[in-house]
Amino acid sequence: MELHDTSLQTLAHVIHQVDLAGIYMEKDIVRSKLELAEVKQNIKVVIEEIRNTIFDLRPMSFDDLGIEETIQRYIEYINKDHNFRIYTDIGNIDTTYYIIMANIYRIIQECISNAIKHSGGDEIYLKCYSENKVCYIEIKDNGKGFVDGEYEQDGQIHFGLSVMKERVMILNGEIRIDSEKNKGTKISVVIPLK
């Protein structure tokens, strides 16, 4: 979905730019060169987008730093690019299973991404820890919230929540979404780590 929304659309645009540069080649060499310079810049953007997507598929920092530090670095990265204040309380997450770690990381990413894109708020609170071989995740925002079923009408929110629910289900976990108009949204996830 992410590749479709970014890289593939940019590449389709690049094809049109190359065609346009070819048309200008015979009539206006300067304009043709300008188009090709923009093509080069757009290709650099696509390379960076694909590199980031590949990294996100398996963050190498899991192996070197562990999940807690990887989540903190993701939060720092997000905080640089958005006008959100993201507060974290991340405890030890006691699991050695990569598939569980990766899904916990993805669930957190999806929750934060949805809050940034759709909540209209400016604060996100993330709490994540494990206790007795169970991982607890809680993410709250101070955004506009929604009433039951409203998110079904917005394809993007629905897609994000569906992916999240699917991840939680695969891990035999539980997810609860509480939201109220003008009072934000709270997502609570419980995942067994066995």
N, C-alpha and C. Protein backbone atom coordinates (compact mmCIF):
# COMPACT_ATOMS: atom_id res chain seq x y z
N MET A 1 0.83 -1.20 0.00
CA MET A 1 0.00 0.00 0.00
C MET A 1 0.87 1.26 0.00
N GLU A 2 1.90 1.24 0.87
CA GLU A 2 2.78 2.39 0.96
C GLU A 2 3.54 2.61 -0.34
N LEU A 3 4.05 1.51 -0.93
CA LEU A 3 4.75 1.62 -2.21
C LEU A 3 3.82 2.14 -3.30
N HIS A 4 2.57 1.68 -3.27
CA HIS A 4 1.60 2.11 -4.27
C HIS A 4 1.33 3.59 -4.14
N ASP A 5 1.19 4.07 -2.90
CA ASP A 5 0.84 5.47 -2.67
C ASP A 5 1.98 6.44 -2.95
N THR A 6 3.21 5.95 -2.90
CA THR A 6 4.35 6.86 -3.06
C THR A 6 5.17 6.51 -4.28
N SER A 7 6.00 5.49 -4.16
CA SER A 7 7.00 5.18 -5.19
C SER A 7 6.41 4.89 -6.56
N LEU A 8 5.37 4.07 -6.62
CA LEU A 8 4.80 3.71 -7.93
C LEU A 8 4.18 4.92 -8.62
N GLN A 9 3.53 5.79 -7.85
CA GLN A 9 2.96 7.00 -8.45
C GLN A 9 4.05 7.92 -8.97
N THR A 10 5.13 8.05 -8.20
CA THR A 10 6.25 8.90 -8.64
C THR A 10 6.87 8.33 -9.90
N LEU A 11 7.04 7.01 -9.97
CA LEU A 11 7.62 6.39 -11.17
C LEU A 11 6.72 6.58 -12.39
N ALA A 12 5.41 6.49 -12.21
CA ALA A 12 4.49 6.73 -13.33
C ALA A 12 4.64 8.16 -13.83
N HIS A 13 4.81 9.10 -12.89
CA HIS A 13 5.02 10.50 -13.27
C HIS A 13 6.35 10.67 -14.01
N VAL A 14 7.37 9.94 -13.58
CA VAL A 14 8.69 10.01 -14.23
C VAL A 14 8.59 9.56 -15.69
N ILE A 15 7.80 8.54 -15.95
CA ILE A 15 7.63 8.07 -17.35
C ILE A 15 7.07 9.19 -18.22
N HIS A 16 6.08 9.92 -17.71
CA HIS A 16 5.51 11.04 -18.46
C HIS A 16 6.53 12.15 -18.67
N GLN A 17 7.37 12.38 -17.65
CA GLN A 17 8.41 13.40 -17.78
C GLN A 17 9.43 13.03 -18.85
N VAL A 18 9.79 11.75 -18.92
CA VAL A 18 10.74 11.29 -19.94
C VAL A 18 10.12 11.46 -21.33
N ASP A 19 8.85 11.11 -21.47
CA ASP A 19 8.16 11.31 -22.75
C ASP A 19 8.16 12.78 -23.15
N LEU A 20 7.88 13.63 -22.18
CA LEU A 20 7.85 15.08 -22.42
C LEU A 20 9.23 15.60 -22.82
N ALA A 21 10.25 15.11 -22.12
CA ALA A 21 11.63 15.53 -22.46
C ALA A 21 11.98 15.13 -23.89
N GLY A 22 11.49 13.95 -24.31
CA GLY A 22 11.73 13.50 -25.68
C GLY A 22 11.06 14.41 -26.70
N ILE A 23 9.86 14.89 -26.39
CA ILE A 23 9.15 15.82 -27.29
C ILE A 23 9.91 17.14 -27.38
N TYR A 24 10.37 17.63 -26.21
CA TYR A 24 11.10 18.91 -26.19
C TYR A 24 12.47 18.81 -26.85
N MET A 25 13.03 17.61 -26.91
CA MET A 25 14.40 17.42 -27.40
C MET A 25 14.61 18.08 -28.76
N GLU A 26 13.63 17.96 -29.64
CA GLU A 26 13.80 18.51 -31.00
C GLU A 26 13.45 19.99 -31.08
N LYS A 27 12.63 20.50 -30.16
CA LYS A 27 12.16 21.87 -30.28
C LYS A 27 12.81 22.84 -29.29
N ASP A 28 13.05 22.36 -28.06
CA ASP A 28 13.55 23.24 -27.00
C ASP A 28 14.49 22.45 -26.10
N ILE A 29 15.77 22.45 -26.46
CA ILE A 29 16.76 21.63 -25.77
C ILE A 29 16.90 22.03 -24.29
N VAL A 30 16.78 23.32 -24.00
CA VAL A 30 16.89 23.79 -22.62
C VAL A 30 15.76 23.22 -21.77
N ARG A 31 14.55 23.29 -22.29
CA ARG A 31 13.38 22.75 -21.57
C ARG A 31 13.52 21.24 -21.38
N SER A 32 14.06 20.57 -22.39
CA SER A 32 14.28 19.14 -22.32
C SER A 32 15.26 18.80 -21.20
N LYS A 33 16.33 19.58 -21.11
CA LYS A 33 17.33 19.35 -20.06
C LYS A 33 16.73 19.59 -18.66
N LEU A 34 15.87 20.60 -18.55
CA LEU A 34 15.21 20.88 -17.28
C LEU A 34 14.31 19.70 -16.86
N GLU A 35 13.57 19.17 -17.82
CA GLU A 35 12.71 18.01 -17.53
C GLU A 35 13.55 16.82 -17.07
N LEU A 36 14.67 16.58 -17.75
CA LEU A 36 15.52 15.45 -17.39
C LEU A 36 16.17 15.66 -16.01
N ALA A 37 16.50 16.90 -15.66
CA ALA A 37 17.04 17.18 -14.33
C ALA A 37 16.00 16.86 -13.26
N GLU A 38 14.73 17.18 -13.55
CA GLU A 38 13.66 16.86 -12.60
C GLU A 38 13.44 15.36 -12.51
N VAL A 39 13.56 14.66 -13.65
CA VAL A 39 13.46 13.20 -13.66
C VAL A 39 14.51 12.60 -12.72
N LYS A 40 15.73 13.11 -12.85
CA LYS A 40 16.82 12.60 -12.00
C LYS A 40 16.50 12.80 -10.53
N GLN A 41 15.99 13.97 -10.17
CA GLN A 41 15.63 14.26 -8.78
C GLN A 41 14.52 13.34 -8.29
N ASN A 42 13.50 13.13 -9.13
CA ASN A 42 12.38 12.24 -8.75
C ASN A 42 12.85 10.80 -8.56
N ILE A 43 13.78 10.36 -9.38
CA ILE A 43 14.31 8.99 -9.24
C ILE A 43 15.07 8.86 -7.91
N LYS A 44 15.80 9.90 -7.53
CA LYS A 44 16.50 9.89 -6.23
C LYS A 44 15.49 9.75 -5.09
N VAL A 45 14.37 10.47 -5.20
CA VAL A 45 13.32 10.39 -4.18
C VAL A 45 12.77 8.97 -4.09
N VAL A 46 12.50 8.35 -5.24
CA VAL A 46 11.96 6.98 -5.27
C VAL A 46 12.95 6.01 -4.64
N ILE A 47 14.24 6.17 -4.95
CA ILE A 47 15.26 5.29 -4.37
C ILE A 47 15.23 5.39 -2.85
N GLU A 48 15.13 6.61 -2.34
CA GLU A 48 15.10 6.81 -0.88
C GLU A 48 13.83 6.20 -0.27
N GLU A 49 12.68 6.38 -0.95
CA GLU A 49 11.43 5.81 -0.46
C GLU A 49 11.50 4.28 -0.40
N ILE A 50 12.04 3.68 -1.45
CA ILE A 50 12.14 2.22 -1.49
C ILE A 50 13.13 1.73 -0.44
N ARG A 51 14.24 2.44 -0.27
CA ARG A 51 15.22 2.08 0.75
C ARG A 51 14.57 2.09 2.14
N ASN A 52 13.78 3.14 2.42
CA ASN A 52 13.11 3.22 3.72
C ASN A 52 12.08 2.12 3.91
N THR A 53 11.35 1.78 2.83
CA THR A 53 10.35 0.72 2.92
C THR A 53 11.02 -0.63 3.17
N ILE A 54 12.13 -0.88 2.49
CA ILE A 54 12.86 -2.13 2.71
C ILE A 54 13.36 -2.21 4.14
N PHE A 55 13.90 -1.09 4.65
CA PHE A 55 14.37 -1.07 6.04
C PHE A 55 13.23 -1.37 6.99
N ASP A 56 12.05 -0.79 6.70
CA ASP A 56 10.90 -1.00 7.59
C ASP A 56 10.42 -2.43 7.60
N LEU A 57 10.68 -3.19 6.51
CA LEU A 57 10.27 -4.58 6.48
C LEU A 57 10.99 -5.40 7.56
N ARG A 58 12.24 -5.06 7.78
CA ARG A 58 12.99 -5.68 8.87
C ARG A 58 14.02 -4.69 9.37
N PRO A 59 13.66 -3.90 10.35
CA PRO A 59 14.63 -2.94 10.87
C PRO A 59 15.86 -3.66 11.43
N MET A 60 17.04 -3.36 10.85
CA MET A 60 18.27 -4.00 11.28
C MET A 60 18.55 -3.72 12.76
N SER A 61 18.00 -2.60 13.26
CA SER A 61 18.28 -2.23 14.65
C SER A 61 17.68 -3.24 15.64
N PHE A 62 16.69 -4.04 15.22
CA PHE A 62 16.18 -5.11 16.10
C PHE A 62 17.35 -5.99 16.55
N ASP A 63 18.17 -6.38 15.58
CA ASP A 63 19.27 -7.29 15.87
C ASP A 63 20.32 -6.64 16.77
N ASP A 64 20.58 -5.36 16.52
CA ASP A 64 21.66 -4.68 17.24
C ASP A 64 21.20 -4.03 18.55
N LEU A 65 20.00 -3.46 18.56
CA LEU A 65 19.58 -2.62 19.67
C LEU A 65 18.45 -3.20 20.51
N GLY A 66 17.67 -4.11 19.93
CA GLY A 66 16.49 -4.62 20.62
C GLY A 66 15.26 -3.78 20.27
N ILE A 67 14.10 -4.31 20.59
CA ILE A 67 12.85 -3.67 20.18
C ILE A 67 12.61 -2.34 20.90
N GLU A 68 12.98 -2.25 22.17
CA GLU A 68 12.70 -1.03 22.93
C GLU A 68 13.41 0.17 22.29
N GLU A 69 14.70 0.01 22.02
CA GLU A 69 15.48 1.11 21.42
C GLU A 69 15.02 1.38 20.00
N THR A 70 14.63 0.35 19.25
CA THR A 70 14.14 0.54 17.89
C THR A 70 12.87 1.38 17.89
N ILE A 71 11.96 1.11 18.84
CA ILE A 71 10.74 1.91 18.95
C ILE A 71 11.08 3.36 19.30
N GLN A 72 12.01 3.55 20.24
CA GLN A 72 12.40 4.91 20.63
C GLN A 72 12.98 5.67 19.44
N ARG A 73 13.80 5.01 18.64
CA ARG A 73 14.39 5.67 17.47
C ARG A 73 13.32 6.02 16.44
N TYR A 74 12.34 5.14 16.28
CA TYR A 74 11.23 5.44 15.37
C TYR A 74 10.47 6.68 15.85
N ILE A 75 10.22 6.75 17.16
CA ILE A 75 9.51 7.91 17.73
C ILE A 75 10.31 9.19 17.49
N GLU A 76 11.61 9.13 17.72
CA GLU A 76 12.47 10.31 17.49
C GLU A 76 12.40 10.74 16.02
N TYR A 77 12.42 9.76 15.12
CA TYR A 77 12.35 10.04 13.69
C TYR A 77 11.02 10.71 13.33
N ILE A 78 9.93 10.17 13.85
CA ILE A 78 8.60 10.74 13.59
C ILE A 78 8.49 12.14 14.18
N ASN A 79 9.01 12.34 15.37
CA ASN A 79 8.93 13.64 16.04
C ASN A 79 9.61 14.75 15.24
N LYS A 80 10.61 14.40 14.45
CA LYS A 80 11.32 15.41 13.64
C LYS A 80 10.44 15.94 12.52
N ASP A 81 9.58 15.09 11.97
CA ASP A 81 8.86 15.43 10.74
C ASP A 81 7.42 15.88 10.94
N HIS A 82 6.92 15.85 12.15
CA HIS A 82 5.52 16.19 12.35
C HIS A 82 5.35 17.16 13.52
N ASN A 83 4.22 17.82 13.56
CA ASN A 83 3.95 18.77 14.63
C ASN A 83 3.26 18.09 15.82
N PHE A 84 3.56 16.83 16.02
CA PHE A 84 3.00 16.08 17.14
C PHE A 84 4.00 15.99 18.27
N ARG A 85 3.52 16.02 19.48
CA ARG A 85 4.34 15.68 20.63
C ARG A 85 4.01 14.23 20.96
N ILE A 86 5.01 13.39 20.93
CA ILE A 86 4.81 11.97 21.19
C ILE A 86 5.52 11.62 22.49
N TYR A 87 4.73 11.21 23.47
CA TYR A 87 5.25 10.87 24.79
C TYR A 87 5.30 9.35 24.91
N THR A 88 6.40 8.83 25.43
CA THR A 88 6.53 7.38 25.49
C THR A 88 6.86 6.89 26.90
N ASP A 89 6.38 5.71 27.17
CA ASP A 89 6.72 4.98 28.38
C ASP A 89 6.91 3.53 27.94
N ILE A 90 8.14 3.20 27.60
CA ILE A 90 8.42 1.88 27.05
C ILE A 90 9.26 1.09 28.03
N GLY A 91 8.70 0.00 28.49
CA GLY A 91 9.41 -0.87 29.42
C GLY A 91 10.05 -2.03 28.68
N ASN A 92 10.54 -2.96 29.41
CA ASN A 92 11.14 -4.15 28.81
C ASN A 92 10.06 -4.97 28.10
N ILE A 93 10.37 -5.44 26.91
CA ILE A 93 9.44 -6.32 26.19
C ILE A 93 10.14 -7.67 26.07
N ASP A 94 9.66 -8.61 26.84
CA ASP A 94 10.36 -9.86 27.05
C ASP A 94 9.97 -10.91 26.01
N THR A 95 10.61 -10.85 24.85
CA THR A 95 10.38 -11.90 23.86
C THR A 95 11.63 -12.11 23.02
N THR A 96 11.84 -13.34 22.64
CA THR A 96 12.98 -13.65 21.77
C THR A 96 12.49 -13.99 20.37
N TYR A 97 11.18 -13.98 20.16
CA TYR A 97 10.63 -14.36 18.86
C TYR A 97 10.56 -13.16 17.93
N TYR A 98 11.30 -13.22 16.84
CA TYR A 98 11.37 -12.09 15.92
C TYR A 98 10.00 -11.72 15.36
N ILE A 99 9.20 -12.72 15.00
CA ILE A 99 7.90 -12.46 14.37
C ILE A 99 7.00 -11.67 15.31
N ILE A 100 7.08 -11.96 16.60
CA ILE A 100 6.27 -11.22 17.58
C ILE A 100 6.79 -9.80 17.70
N MET A 101 8.12 -9.65 17.82
CA MET A 101 8.72 -8.32 17.92
C MET A 101 8.34 -7.46 16.71
N ALA A 102 8.48 -8.03 15.53
CA ALA A 102 8.20 -7.28 14.30
C ALA A 102 6.75 -6.83 14.26
N ASN A 103 5.84 -7.69 14.68
CA ASN A 103 4.42 -7.32 14.65
C ASN A 103 4.08 -6.28 15.71
N ILE A 104 4.69 -6.37 16.88
CA ILE A 104 4.49 -5.33 17.90
C ILE A 104 4.96 -3.98 17.35
N TYR A 105 6.12 -3.99 16.73
CA TYR A 105 6.67 -2.77 16.13
C TYR A 105 5.72 -2.21 15.06
N ARG A 106 5.20 -3.08 14.19
CA ARG A 106 4.29 -2.65 13.12
C ARG A 106 2.97 -2.11 13.68
N ILE A 107 2.46 -2.75 14.72
CA ILE A 107 1.21 -2.29 15.35
C ILE A 107 1.41 -0.87 15.89
N ILE A 108 2.52 -0.66 16.56
CA ILE A 108 2.82 0.68 17.10
C ILE A 108 2.96 1.69 15.97
N GLN A 109 3.68 1.32 14.91
CA GLN A 109 3.83 2.21 13.75
C GLN A 109 2.47 2.57 13.16
N GLU A 110 1.61 1.58 12.98
CA GLU A 110 0.31 1.81 12.36
C GLU A 110 -0.57 2.70 13.23
N CYS A 111 -0.54 2.47 14.54
CA CYS A 111 -1.32 3.31 15.46
C CYS A 111 -0.86 4.76 15.38
N ILE A 112 0.44 4.97 15.43
CA ILE A 112 0.98 6.33 15.39
C ILE A 112 0.71 6.98 14.04
N SER A 113 0.89 6.22 12.98
CA SER A 113 0.63 6.74 11.63
C SER A 113 -0.83 7.16 11.47
N ASN A 114 -1.76 6.32 11.95
CA ASN A 114 -3.19 6.66 11.87
C ASN A 114 -3.50 7.93 12.66
N ALA A 115 -2.90 8.04 13.86
CA ALA A 115 -3.14 9.22 14.69
C ALA A 115 -2.64 10.48 13.99
N ILE A 116 -1.45 10.39 13.39
CA ILE A 116 -0.88 11.56 12.71
C ILE A 116 -1.71 11.94 11.49
N LYS A 117 -2.14 10.95 10.71
CA LYS A 117 -2.86 11.23 9.46
C LYS A 117 -4.30 11.65 9.68
N HIS A 118 -4.96 11.09 10.70
CA HIS A 118 -6.41 11.22 10.77
C HIS A 118 -6.97 11.88 12.02
N SER A 119 -6.19 11.97 13.10
CA SER A 119 -6.80 12.41 14.36
C SER A 119 -7.04 13.91 14.43
N GLY A 120 -6.19 14.69 13.76
CA GLY A 120 -6.32 16.14 13.86
C GLY A 120 -5.81 16.69 15.18
N GLY A 121 -5.21 15.83 16.01
CA GLY A 121 -4.69 16.28 17.30
C GLY A 121 -3.23 16.69 17.19
N ASP A 122 -2.59 16.88 18.36
CA ASP A 122 -1.17 17.23 18.34
C ASP A 122 -0.37 16.50 19.40
N GLU A 123 -1.00 15.55 20.10
CA GLU A 123 -0.29 14.78 21.11
C GLU A 123 -0.64 13.30 21.00
N ILE A 124 0.38 12.47 21.17
CA ILE A 124 0.20 11.02 21.17
C ILE A 124 0.93 10.48 22.40
N TYR A 125 0.28 9.55 23.09
CA TYR A 125 0.87 8.92 24.27
C TYR A 125 1.01 7.42 23.98
N LEU A 126 2.22 6.91 24.09
CA LEU A 126 2.49 5.50 23.85
C LEU A 126 3.01 4.86 25.12
N LYS A 127 2.37 3.78 25.53
CA LYS A 127 2.86 2.98 26.65
C LYS A 127 2.97 1.55 26.15
N CYS A 128 4.12 0.94 26.39
CA CYS A 128 4.33 -0.43 25.93
C CYS A 128 5.28 -1.13 26.91
N TYR A 129 4.86 -2.32 27.36
CA TYR A 129 5.69 -3.08 28.28
C TYR A 129 5.21 -4.53 28.30
N SER A 130 5.98 -5.40 28.90
CA SER A 130 5.52 -6.77 29.06
C SER A 130 5.57 -7.17 30.52
N GLU A 131 4.68 -8.10 30.85
CA GLU A 131 4.58 -8.59 32.23
C GLU A 131 4.02 -10.00 32.16
N ASN A 132 4.68 -10.93 32.82
CA ASN A 132 4.23 -12.33 32.84
C ASN A 132 3.98 -12.88 31.43
N LYS A 133 4.94 -12.62 30.54
CA LYS A 133 4.88 -13.12 29.16
C LYS A 133 3.67 -12.60 28.36
N VAL A 134 3.24 -11.39 28.69
CA VAL A 134 2.18 -10.71 27.94
C VAL A 134 2.65 -9.29 27.65
N CYS A 135 2.47 -8.85 26.40
CA CYS A 135 2.83 -7.48 26.03
C CYS A 135 1.58 -6.61 26.03
N TYR A 136 1.71 -5.43 26.63
CA TYR A 136 0.61 -4.47 26.70
C TYR A 136 1.01 -3.22 25.92
N ILE A 137 0.15 -2.82 25.02
CA ILE A 137 0.38 -1.60 24.22
C ILE A 137 -0.84 -0.71 24.41
N GLU A 138 -0.58 0.56 24.68
CA GLU A 138 -1.67 1.53 24.78
C GLU A 138 -1.23 2.80 24.05
N ILE A 139 -2.04 3.23 23.09
CA ILE A 139 -1.73 4.45 22.35
C ILE A 139 -2.96 5.34 22.37
N LYS A 140 -2.76 6.58 22.84
CA LYS A 140 -3.87 7.55 22.92
C LYS A 140 -3.46 8.80 22.16
N ASP A 141 -4.47 9.45 21.56
CA ASP A 141 -4.22 10.76 20.97
C ASP A 141 -5.26 11.75 21.49
N ASN A 142 -5.00 13.02 21.29
CA ASN A 142 -5.95 14.04 21.75
C ASN A 142 -6.71 14.65 20.57
N GLY A 143 -6.94 13.82 19.56
CA GLY A 143 -7.58 14.30 18.33
C GLY A 143 -9.09 14.36 18.39
N LYS A 144 -9.67 14.41 17.20
CA LYS A 144 -11.11 14.63 17.07
C LYS A 144 -11.95 13.39 17.38
N GLY A 145 -11.30 12.22 17.39
CA GLY A 145 -12.04 11.00 17.68
C GLY A 145 -13.05 10.67 16.59
N PHE A 146 -13.82 9.63 16.82
CA PHE A 146 -14.88 9.24 15.89
C PHE A 146 -15.91 8.41 16.64
N VAL A 147 -17.09 8.30 16.05
CA VAL A 147 -18.14 7.48 16.66
C VAL A 147 -18.08 6.10 16.04
N ASP A 148 -18.65 5.11 16.71
CA ASP A 148 -18.62 3.74 16.21
C ASP A 148 -19.08 3.67 14.76
N GLY A 149 -18.29 2.95 13.95
CA GLY A 149 -18.66 2.75 12.55
C GLY A 149 -18.23 3.86 11.62
N GLU A 150 -17.92 5.04 12.16
CA GLU A 150 -17.55 6.17 11.30
C GLU A 150 -16.28 5.88 10.52
N TYR A 151 -15.32 5.20 11.19
CA TYR A 151 -14.07 4.92 10.51
C TYR A 151 -14.27 3.97 9.33
N GLU A 152 -15.37 3.23 9.34
CA GLU A 152 -15.66 2.33 8.22
C GLU A 152 -15.86 3.12 6.92
N GLN A 153 -16.33 4.37 7.05
CA GLN A 153 -16.60 5.18 5.86
C GLN A 153 -15.33 5.76 5.26
N ASP A 154 -14.26 5.83 6.04
CA ASP A 154 -13.00 6.36 5.55
C ASP A 154 -12.10 5.19 5.20
N GLY A 155 -11.89 4.95 3.91
CA GLY A 155 -11.13 3.79 3.46
C GLY A 155 -9.74 3.69 4.06
N GLN A 156 -9.05 4.83 4.22
CA GLN A 156 -7.68 4.80 4.74
C GLN A 156 -7.66 4.40 6.21
N ILE A 157 -8.51 5.00 7.01
CA ILE A 157 -8.55 4.64 8.43
C ILE A 157 -8.94 3.17 8.55
N HIS A 158 -9.95 2.77 7.79
CA HIS A 158 -10.44 1.40 7.84
C HIS A 158 -9.31 0.43 7.49
N PHE A 159 -8.54 0.76 6.43
CA PHE A 159 -7.45 -0.11 6.01
C PHE A 159 -6.42 -0.25 7.13
N GLY A 160 -6.03 0.88 7.73
CA GLY A 160 -5.04 0.85 8.81
C GLY A 160 -5.51 0.04 10.00
N LEU A 161 -6.76 0.23 10.40
CA LEU A 161 -7.29 -0.51 11.53
C LEU A 161 -7.43 -2.00 11.20
N SER A 162 -7.80 -2.30 9.97
CA SER A 162 -7.93 -3.70 9.55
C SER A 162 -6.59 -4.42 9.61
N VAL A 163 -5.55 -3.75 9.12
CA VAL A 163 -4.21 -4.34 9.16
C VAL A 163 -3.79 -4.59 10.60
N MET A 164 -4.05 -3.61 11.45
CA MET A 164 -3.70 -3.72 12.86
C MET A 164 -4.44 -4.89 13.51
N LYS A 165 -5.75 -4.97 13.29
CA LYS A 165 -6.56 -6.05 13.87
C LYS A 165 -6.07 -7.41 13.39
N GLU A 166 -5.70 -7.48 12.11
CA GLU A 166 -5.21 -8.74 11.55
C GLU A 166 -3.90 -9.16 12.23
N ARG A 167 -3.00 -8.21 12.41
CA ARG A 167 -1.73 -8.51 13.08
C ARG A 167 -1.97 -9.04 14.50
N VAL A 168 -2.86 -8.37 15.22
CA VAL A 168 -3.16 -8.77 16.59
C VAL A 168 -3.79 -10.16 16.60
N MET A 169 -4.69 -10.43 15.67
CA MET A 169 -5.36 -11.72 15.60
C MET A 169 -4.35 -12.85 15.32
N ILE A 170 -3.41 -12.59 14.39
CA ILE A 170 -2.39 -13.59 14.06
C ILE A 170 -1.58 -13.98 15.30
N LEU A 171 -1.38 -13.00 16.18
CA LEU A 171 -0.60 -13.24 17.40
C LEU A 171 -1.46 -13.72 18.57
N ASN A 172 -2.73 -14.07 18.30
CA ASN A 172 -3.67 -14.51 19.34
C ASN A 172 -3.86 -13.46 20.43
N GLY A 173 -3.82 -12.20 20.01
CA GLY A 173 -3.97 -11.11 20.96
C GLY A 173 -5.37 -10.53 20.95
N GLU A 174 -5.52 -9.43 21.68
CA GLU A 174 -6.80 -8.73 21.74
C GLU A 174 -6.55 -7.26 21.48
N ILE A 175 -7.50 -6.61 20.80
CA ILE A 175 -7.40 -5.18 20.54
C ILE A 175 -8.72 -4.53 20.90
N ARG A 176 -8.62 -3.35 21.50
CA ARG A 176 -9.82 -2.59 21.84
C ARG A 176 -9.61 -1.16 21.38
N ILE A 177 -10.59 -0.61 20.67
CA ILE A 177 -10.51 0.76 20.18
C ILE A 177 -11.62 1.56 20.83
N ASP A 178 -11.25 2.57 21.62
CA ASP A 178 -12.21 3.45 22.28
C ASP A 178 -12.03 4.85 21.72
N SER A 179 -13.10 5.41 21.22
CA SER A 179 -13.02 6.75 20.66
C SER A 179 -14.32 7.49 20.90
N GLU A 180 -14.19 8.78 21.07
CA GLU A 180 -15.36 9.62 21.30
C GLU A 180 -15.13 10.94 20.57
N LYS A 181 -16.18 11.48 19.98
CA LYS A 181 -16.07 12.75 19.28
C LYS A 181 -15.42 13.81 20.16
N ASN A 182 -14.41 14.46 19.60
CA ASN A 182 -13.67 15.55 20.27
C ASN A 182 -12.95 15.13 21.55
N LYS A 183 -12.81 13.83 21.76
CA LYS A 183 -12.10 13.37 22.96
C LYS A 183 -10.98 12.39 22.62
N GLY A 184 -10.63 12.30 21.36
CA GLY A 184 -9.51 11.47 20.97
C GLY A 184 -9.83 9.99 20.85
N THR A 185 -8.76 9.23 20.63
CA THR A 185 -8.89 7.79 20.44
C THR A 185 -7.86 7.08 21.29
N LYS A 186 -8.26 5.95 21.85
CA LYS A 186 -7.35 5.13 22.65
C LYS A 186 -7.40 3.71 22.09
N ILE A 187 -6.23 3.17 21.77
CA ILE A 187 -6.14 1.80 21.27
C ILE A 187 -5.35 0.98 22.28
N SER A 188 -5.96 -0.09 22.76
CA SER A 188 -5.31 -0.98 23.73
C SER A 188 -5.12 -2.35 23.10
N VAL A 189 -3.91 -2.86 23.20
CA VAL A 189 -3.58 -4.16 22.59
C VAL A 189 -2.92 -5.03 23.65
N VAL A 190 -3.31 -6.29 23.68
CA VAL A 190 -2.70 -7.27 24.58
C VAL A 190 -2.24 -8.44 23.72
N ILE A 191 -0.94 -8.78 23.81
CA ILE A 191 -0.38 -9.84 22.98
C ILE A 191 0.38 -10.84 23.84
N PRO A 192 0.01 -12.12 23.77
CA PRO A 192 0.80 -13.13 24.50
C PRO A 192 2.17 -13.29 23.85
N LEU A 193 3.21 -13.43 24.66
CA LEU A 193 4.57 -13.52 24.14
C LEU A 193 5.11 -14.94 24.14
N LYS A 194 4.25 -15.92 24.36
CA LYS A 194 4.72 -17.33 24.40
C LYS A 194 4.74 -17.93 23.02
